[in-house]
Amino acid sequence: MRKQRLGELLQKTGLVDEIQLRAALGFHAKWGVPLGQVVVDMRFCTAQQVLELLAGQLQLPVVDLDAEPLEPSLVDVLPVETAEACRVIPLRVEGPRGSVLVVAAAAPAPPTALDEVARVAGKMRVVALVATDAAVSRAIDRLYYPHLMGAQRPVEPIPLPEADEHLPLVTDRAEYLALGRIVPSSVSATKLEPGGLPMLMPLVMEVPAHARVTEPEMPRVEVAPKAPASKAEPEPEPEVWVYGWGAQATEELLKLLEDEDLWARVASTEDVKKASERTVVLTPLQSVESVKRHGIRAQLLVAGRAHDRDRALAMGAHVFLSGPLRTDALIREVRARVEAGGAPLRQAS
């Protein structure tokens, strides 16, 4: 029995009509975008409807990856490069002696991709559940890149416009009244200071004699003039600036560096711009990318996803750290850069 194609299934189940299917197939043939993605992008149906249809076609169960707990130890079973290339996420190990790996795969899951997963993971068999490609991407971030969760591109300050030099200055009472009746009408023109500002009348009149408090006159004490305050010396730069991470990752990184006797501080954008060539800046790629154009002298230890490596090195990263971020590798690279102290740089992953 011939296996029905996705287009036939979409039309048979009423998710698209003939005209919509022709339009989607034309886009698919011209640009090579998977048909299931095309009909979702064109809003003919939802991603969940296409996923359930593909799961029925492949005879595989659907998994809600966003609600599925992920096991951090599985990053040692399936490397991030394979997970990203094959669009799968490892869920659990089953079977005798852990010979079966259960994964969630972006539908449709090609058999060659699952064969590659089995080969790299060293498993006799791979059992696949299906999920949307977007859900697989989110799960890869959660499992392999938890240190990048919450990292955001810095917001550049917006300069305020210069004051208009032709803005008229308010110099008399009439202009004050025109600007929201700042001066009450009871104030006469004689109650104005030479510059045009109204003089404030006391809230109460002269205090009656019987209500005055008489205090004994205190002897006059000559006070020696204070010596001019000496300028505080600027605090030296820390060994490591931690810049642009999420709140939880920032806290964990600072504690890790402190435990390793490395002096670290949280950096602002201005700190990163002014840092010397001896200072190490530990940052995610998406946070430092927009600041790099200002010209950074510091040594950049940039963390990112595996496919970001070339982009980071092209941007000028001295060291690229790909997920999952190992604490031993991180400390090793930080120490190497701190001890280098501006020596010729090297590229490392």
Protein backbone atom coordinates (compact mmCIF):
# COMPACT_ATOMS: atom_id res chain seq x y z
CA MET A 1 0.00 0.00 0.00
CA ARG A 2 1.41 3.37 -1.05
CA LYS A 3 2.17 5.74 1.75
CA GLN A 4 0.11 8.91 1.49
CA ARG A 5 2.02 12.13 1.10
CA LEU A 6 1.62 15.00 3.54
CA GLY A 7 -0.16 17.18 0.97
CA GLU A 8 -2.75 14.46 0.35
CA LEU A 9 -3.27 14.03 4.08
CA LEU A 10 -3.68 17.78 4.59
CA GLN A 11 -6.37 17.96 1.92
CA LYS A 12 -8.05 14.70 2.94
CA THR A 13 -8.43 15.81 6.57
CA GLY A 14 -9.77 19.20 5.49
CA LEU A 15 -6.90 21.24 6.89
CA VAL A 16 -6.33 22.84 3.47
CA ASP A 17 -8.37 23.09 0.29
CA GLU A 18 -7.11 22.49 -3.25
CA ILE A 19 -6.18 26.12 -3.92
CA GLN A 20 -4.29 26.43 -0.60
CA LEU A 21 -2.44 23.17 -1.26
CA ARG A 22 -1.36 24.34 -4.73
CA ALA A 23 -0.06 27.61 -3.28
CA ALA A 24 1.83 25.79 -0.52
CA LEU A 25 3.31 23.24 -2.96
CA GLY A 26 4.46 26.05 -5.25
CA PHE A 27 6.26 27.79 -2.40
CA HIS A 28 7.72 24.45 -1.27
CA ALA A 29 9.02 23.65 -4.77
CA LYS A 30 10.51 27.13 -5.30
CA TRP A 31 12.23 27.68 -1.95
CA GLY A 32 12.68 24.16 -0.56
CA VAL A 33 10.88 24.92 2.72
CA PRO A 34 9.22 21.77 4.16
CA LEU A 35 5.55 21.60 3.22
CA GLY A 36 4.45 21.27 6.83
CA GLN A 37 6.25 24.50 7.69
CA VAL A 38 4.80 26.28 4.64
CA VAL A 39 1.17 25.62 5.54
CA VAL A 40 1.84 26.82 9.09
CA ASP A 41 3.63 29.97 7.89
CA MET A 42 0.73 30.67 5.51
CA ARG A 43 -1.65 30.18 8.45
CA PHE A 44 -3.66 27.49 6.70
CA CYS A 45 -3.39 25.35 9.88
CA THR A 46 -1.53 25.22 13.18
CA ALA A 47 1.81 23.61 13.94
CA GLN A 48 0.11 21.20 16.34
CA GLN A 49 -2.31 20.02 13.62
CA VAL A 50 0.57 19.35 11.23
CA LEU A 51 2.54 17.60 13.98
CA GLU A 52 -0.34 15.24 14.79
CA LEU A 53 -0.79 14.50 11.09
CA LEU A 54 2.92 13.71 10.65
CA ALA A 55 2.91 11.58 13.80
CA GLY A 56 0.04 9.55 12.39
CA GLN A 57 1.85 9.25 9.07
CA LEU A 58 5.05 8.08 10.78
CA GLN A 59 3.12 6.02 13.35
CA LEU A 60 5.01 7.72 16.19
CA PRO A 61 3.64 9.26 19.38
CA VAL A 62 3.67 13.04 19.95
CA VAL A 63 5.50 14.54 22.93
CA ASP A 64 4.97 17.97 24.50
CA LEU A 65 8.63 18.94 24.90
CA ASP A 66 7.90 22.18 26.75
CA ALA A 67 6.34 20.17 29.58
CA GLU A 68 8.87 17.32 29.44
CA PRO A 69 11.58 17.26 32.16
CA LEU A 70 15.09 17.01 30.72
CA GLU A 71 17.95 15.03 32.25
CA PRO A 72 21.23 17.06 32.37
CA SER A 73 23.38 13.91 32.42
CA LEU A 74 22.25 13.08 28.87
CA VAL A 75 24.51 15.80 27.47
CA ASP A 76 27.29 13.25 27.95
CA VAL A 77 25.36 10.66 25.93
CA LEU A 78 24.53 12.82 22.92
CA PRO A 79 26.82 15.77 22.06
CA VAL A 80 25.23 19.11 21.31
CA GLU A 81 26.62 19.15 17.76
CA THR A 82 24.71 15.95 16.91
CA ALA A 83 21.54 17.12 18.65
CA GLU A 84 21.53 20.36 16.67
CA ALA A 85 22.46 18.76 13.33
CA CYS A 86 19.89 15.93 13.61
CA ARG A 87 17.23 18.08 15.31
CA VAL A 88 16.71 15.71 18.24
CA ILE A 89 16.76 16.00 22.01
CA PRO A 90 17.64 13.02 24.27
CA LEU A 91 14.94 12.20 26.81
CA ARG A 92 15.99 9.02 28.62
CA VAL A 93 17.94 5.77 28.40
CA GLU A 94 16.05 2.48 28.58
CA GLY A 95 16.49 -1.23 27.95
CA PRO A 96 19.06 -3.73 29.18
CA ARG A 97 22.32 -2.01 30.08
CA GLY A 98 20.99 1.27 28.74
CA SER A 99 21.07 0.07 25.14
CA VAL A 100 18.03 2.14 24.01
CA LEU A 101 17.99 5.92 23.72
CA VAL A 102 14.62 7.66 23.62
CA VAL A 103 14.68 10.99 21.80
CA ALA A 104 12.25 13.65 20.67
CA ALA A 105 12.77 14.45 16.99
CA ALA A 106 11.54 17.34 14.91
CA ALA A 107 8.92 15.95 12.52
CA PRO A 108 9.40 14.55 10.00
CA ALA A 109 12.27 12.58 11.49
CA PRO A 110 14.43 11.08 8.68
CA PRO A 111 15.72 7.55 9.43
CA THR A 112 19.28 8.58 8.48
CA ALA A 113 19.27 11.17 11.28
CA LEU A 114 18.21 8.55 13.85
CA ASP A 115 20.92 6.20 12.57
CA GLU A 116 23.50 8.93 13.12
CA VAL A 117 22.17 9.52 16.66
CA ALA A 118 22.49 5.81 17.45
CA ARG A 119 26.05 5.73 16.09
CA VAL A 120 27.25 8.79 18.02
CA ALA A 121 25.49 7.82 21.26
CA GLY A 122 26.74 4.23 21.01
CA LYS A 123 23.24 2.75 21.38
CA MET A 124 21.84 -0.35 19.73
CA ARG A 125 18.49 1.34 19.14
CA VAL A 126 16.95 4.82 19.08
CA VAL A 127 13.24 5.25 19.80
CA ALA A 128 11.81 8.52 18.49
CA LEU A 129 8.88 10.62 19.61
CA VAL A 130 7.91 13.58 17.45
CA ALA A 131 7.73 17.27 18.33
CA THR A 132 7.71 20.55 16.46
CA ASP A 133 11.04 21.95 15.32
CA ALA A 134 10.47 25.06 17.46
CA ALA A 135 9.93 22.89 20.56
CA VAL A 136 13.14 20.96 19.80
CA SER A 137 15.06 24.24 19.55
CA ARG A 138 13.72 25.41 22.92
CA ALA A 139 14.58 22.05 24.51
CA ILE A 140 18.14 22.18 23.12
CA ASP A 141 18.57 25.58 24.76
CA ARG A 142 17.23 24.27 28.09
CA LEU A 143 19.42 21.16 28.12
CA TYR A 144 22.68 22.25 26.52
CA TYR A 145 22.71 26.02 27.10
CA PRO A 146 21.15 26.70 30.53
CA HIS A 147 23.89 29.28 31.15
CA LEU A 148 22.55 31.37 28.27
CA MET A 149 18.92 31.37 29.39
CA GLY A 150 17.93 34.94 30.18
CA ALA A 151 20.97 36.51 28.56
CA GLN A 152 19.87 39.57 26.65
CA ARG A 153 21.34 41.99 24.21
CA PRO A 154 22.25 45.19 26.09
CA VAL A 155 20.08 48.24 25.56
CA GLU A 156 22.12 51.13 24.22
CA PRO A 157 21.41 54.45 25.97
CA ILE A 158 19.32 56.87 23.91
CA PRO A 159 20.95 60.33 23.89
CA LEU A 160 18.62 63.19 24.78
CA PRO A 161 18.40 66.03 22.25
CA GLU A 162 20.43 69.14 22.95
CA ALA A 163 18.51 72.08 24.46
CA ASP A 164 17.26 74.51 21.85
CA GLU A 165 19.50 77.56 22.06
CA HIS A 166 16.66 79.72 20.73
CA LEU A 167 14.28 78.66 23.52
CA PRO A 168 13.04 81.97 25.04
CA LEU A 169 13.84 82.49 28.69
CA VAL A 170 11.02 83.48 31.04
CA THR A 171 12.01 86.84 32.46
CA ASP A 172 8.86 88.61 33.60
CA ARG A 173 5.64 88.00 35.49
CA ALA A 174 3.42 87.87 32.42
CA GLU A 175 5.37 84.96 30.96
CA TYR A 176 5.13 83.08 34.27
CA LEU A 177 1.36 83.49 34.22
CA ALA A 178 1.26 82.23 30.63
CA LEU A 179 3.14 79.05 31.66
CA GLY A 180 0.40 77.57 33.82
CA ARG A 181 -0.25 80.39 36.28
CA ILE A 182 2.80 79.67 38.38
CA VAL A 183 2.56 83.10 40.03
CA PRO A 184 -0.80 83.86 41.68
CA SER A 185 -2.54 87.04 40.55
CA SER A 186 -2.30 88.52 44.06
CA VAL A 187 1.46 88.92 43.67
CA SER A 188 2.22 92.45 42.54
CA ALA A 189 4.98 93.54 40.26
CA THR A 190 6.78 95.12 43.19
CA LYS A 191 7.21 91.70 44.79
CA LEU A 192 9.65 90.52 42.11
CA GLU A 193 13.37 90.02 42.42
CA PRO A 194 15.59 91.81 39.92
CA GLY A 195 15.82 88.67 37.76
CA GLY A 196 12.03 88.45 37.48
CA LEU A 197 11.46 85.63 40.02
CA PRO A 198 8.61 86.22 42.52
CA MET A 199 9.64 86.69 46.15
CA LEU A 200 8.06 84.20 48.60
CA MET A 201 6.15 85.78 51.47
CA PRO A 202 6.59 84.20 54.95
CA LEU A 203 3.94 81.70 55.91
CA VAL A 204 3.39 83.38 59.33
CA MET A 205 3.86 86.92 60.53
CA GLU A 206 6.34 88.04 63.20
CA VAL A 207 6.29 85.68 66.20
CA PRO A 208 4.68 87.39 69.24
CA ALA A 209 7.04 88.37 72.05
CA HIS A 210 5.40 86.08 74.60
CA ALA A 211 5.92 83.08 72.29
CA ARG A 212 9.60 83.66 71.69
CA VAL A 213 12.13 81.23 73.19
CA THR A 214 15.11 82.88 74.84
CA GLU A 215 18.33 80.88 74.90
CA PRO A 216 21.57 81.82 76.65
CA GLU A 217 24.17 83.16 74.31
CA MET A 218 26.79 80.50 73.60
CA PRO A 219 30.48 81.42 73.50
CA ARG A 220 31.81 81.83 70.01
CA VAL A 221 34.04 78.95 68.97
CA GLU A 222 36.55 79.44 66.22
CA VAL A 223 36.43 76.51 63.82
CA ALA A 224 39.60 75.71 61.95
CA PRO A 225 39.11 75.53 58.22
CA LYS A 226 38.79 71.99 56.89
CA ALA A 227 41.65 70.59 54.91
CA PRO A 228 40.71 69.94 51.29
CA ALA A 229 39.46 66.39 50.84
CA SER A 230 41.89 64.21 49.01
CA LYS A 231 40.60 62.61 45.86
CA ALA A 232 39.76 58.94 46.32
CA GLU A 233 41.93 56.69 44.22
CA PRO A 234 39.96 54.90 41.51
CA GLU A 235 39.28 51.25 42.21
CA PRO A 236 41.49 49.03 40.02
CA GLU A 237 39.86 46.89 37.37
CA PRO A 238 38.90 43.37 38.43
CA GLU A 239 40.54 40.41 36.79
CA VAL A 240 37.26 39.34 35.21
CA TRP A 241 34.23 41.36 34.16
CA VAL A 242 31.01 39.28 34.05
CA TYR A 243 28.79 40.94 31.47
CA GLY A 244 25.36 40.41 29.91
CA TRP A 245 24.21 37.15 31.57
CA GLY A 246 20.86 36.31 33.09
CA ALA A 247 20.41 36.92 36.81
CA GLN A 248 20.84 33.29 37.90
CA ALA A 249 23.82 32.64 35.62
CA THR A 250 25.49 35.86 36.84
CA GLU A 251 25.16 34.80 40.46
CA GLU A 252 26.54 31.33 39.77
CA LEU A 253 29.47 32.64 37.72
CA LEU A 254 30.47 35.17 40.38
CA LYS A 255 30.41 32.48 43.06
CA LEU A 256 32.42 30.09 40.89
CA LEU A 257 35.08 32.70 40.15
CA GLU A 258 35.24 33.78 43.79
CA ASP A 259 35.73 30.16 44.91
CA GLU A 260 38.67 29.98 42.48
CA ASP A 261 40.24 33.14 44.02
CA LEU A 262 39.55 35.21 40.91
CA TRP A 263 38.46 38.81 41.45
CA ALA A 264 35.28 39.29 39.40
CA ARG A 265 32.66 42.02 39.16
CA VAL A 266 29.45 42.56 37.20
CA ALA A 267 30.15 44.97 34.32
CA SER A 268 28.08 47.70 32.74
CA THR A 269 28.39 48.49 29.05
CA GLU A 270 30.67 51.42 29.90
CA ASP A 271 32.91 49.13 31.99
CA VAL A 272 33.35 46.80 29.01
CA LYS A 273 34.14 49.67 26.66
CA LYS A 274 36.78 51.10 29.04
CA ALA A 275 38.36 47.82 30.16
CA SER A 276 42.09 47.48 29.48
CA GLU A 277 43.71 44.82 27.32
CA ARG A 278 44.76 42.95 30.47
CA THR A 279 41.16 42.49 31.65
CA VAL A 280 39.05 39.42 30.81
CA VAL A 281 35.39 39.89 29.89
CA LEU A 282 33.22 36.78 30.23
CA THR A 283 30.06 37.27 28.16
CA PRO A 284 27.47 35.54 25.97
CA LEU A 285 27.75 36.27 22.26
CA GLN A 286 24.36 37.96 21.97
CA SER A 287 25.21 40.41 24.75
CA VAL A 288 28.58 41.64 23.49
CA GLU A 289 27.90 41.54 19.76
CA SER A 290 26.27 44.98 19.61
CA VAL A 291 28.94 46.54 21.86
CA LYS A 292 31.89 45.26 19.83
CA ARG A 293 31.54 47.99 17.23
CA HIS A 294 32.66 50.54 19.85
CA GLY A 295 36.12 48.96 19.93
CA ILE A 296 36.86 46.76 22.95
CA ARG A 297 40.46 46.29 24.08
CA ALA A 298 39.66 43.64 26.72
CA GLN A 299 40.15 39.91 26.20
CA LEU A 300 36.77 38.45 25.26
CA LEU A 301 35.76 35.01 26.50
CA VAL A 302 32.54 34.52 24.55
CA ALA A 303 30.00 31.76 25.27
CA GLY A 304 27.46 30.62 22.71
CA ARG A 305 25.83 27.75 20.93
CA ALA A 306 28.00 25.41 18.89
CA HIS A 307 26.92 26.91 15.57
CA ASP A 308 27.88 30.42 16.83
CA ARG A 309 31.60 29.61 16.96
CA ASP A 310 32.60 31.06 13.58
CA ARG A 311 30.54 34.19 14.20
CA ALA A 312 32.16 34.74 17.59
CA LEU A 313 35.71 34.28 16.32
CA ALA A 314 35.04 36.53 13.33
CA MET A 315 33.79 39.17 15.76
CA GLY A 316 37.12 39.02 17.60
CA ALA A 317 36.51 36.64 20.51
CA HIS A 318 39.80 35.50 22.01
CA VAL A 319 38.24 32.30 23.36
CA PHE A 320 34.92 30.69 22.40
CA LEU A 321 33.14 28.50 24.97
CA SER A 322 30.36 26.32 23.57
CA GLY A 323 27.67 24.64 25.60
CA PRO A 324 27.24 22.84 27.77
CA LEU A 325 29.44 25.24 29.73
CA ARG A 326 31.80 23.09 31.81
CA THR A 327 33.08 24.76 34.96
CA ASP A 328 36.53 23.16 34.71
CA ALA A 329 37.00 24.31 31.11
CA LEU A 330 35.68 27.76 31.96
CA ILE A 331 38.10 28.24 34.87
CA ARG A 332 40.99 26.89 32.81
CA GLU A 333 40.36 29.39 30.00
CA VAL A 334 39.81 32.30 32.41
CA ARG A 335 43.07 31.56 34.26
CA ALA A 336 44.96 31.26 30.98
CA ARG A 337 43.77 34.68 29.87
CA VAL A 338 44.30 36.33 33.28
CA GLU A 339 47.85 34.98 33.48
CA ALA A 340 48.55 35.95 29.86
CA GLY A 341 48.03 39.60 30.86
CA GLY A 342 47.87 40.98 27.34
CA ALA A 343 50.26 38.45 25.76
CA PRO A 344 49.59 37.31 22.19
CA LEU A 345 46.13 35.78 22.01
CA ARG A 346 45.05 32.36 20.90
CA GLN A 347 41.81 30.80 19.73
CA ALA A 348 40.30 27.96 21.71
CA SER A 349 36.97 26.25 22.03
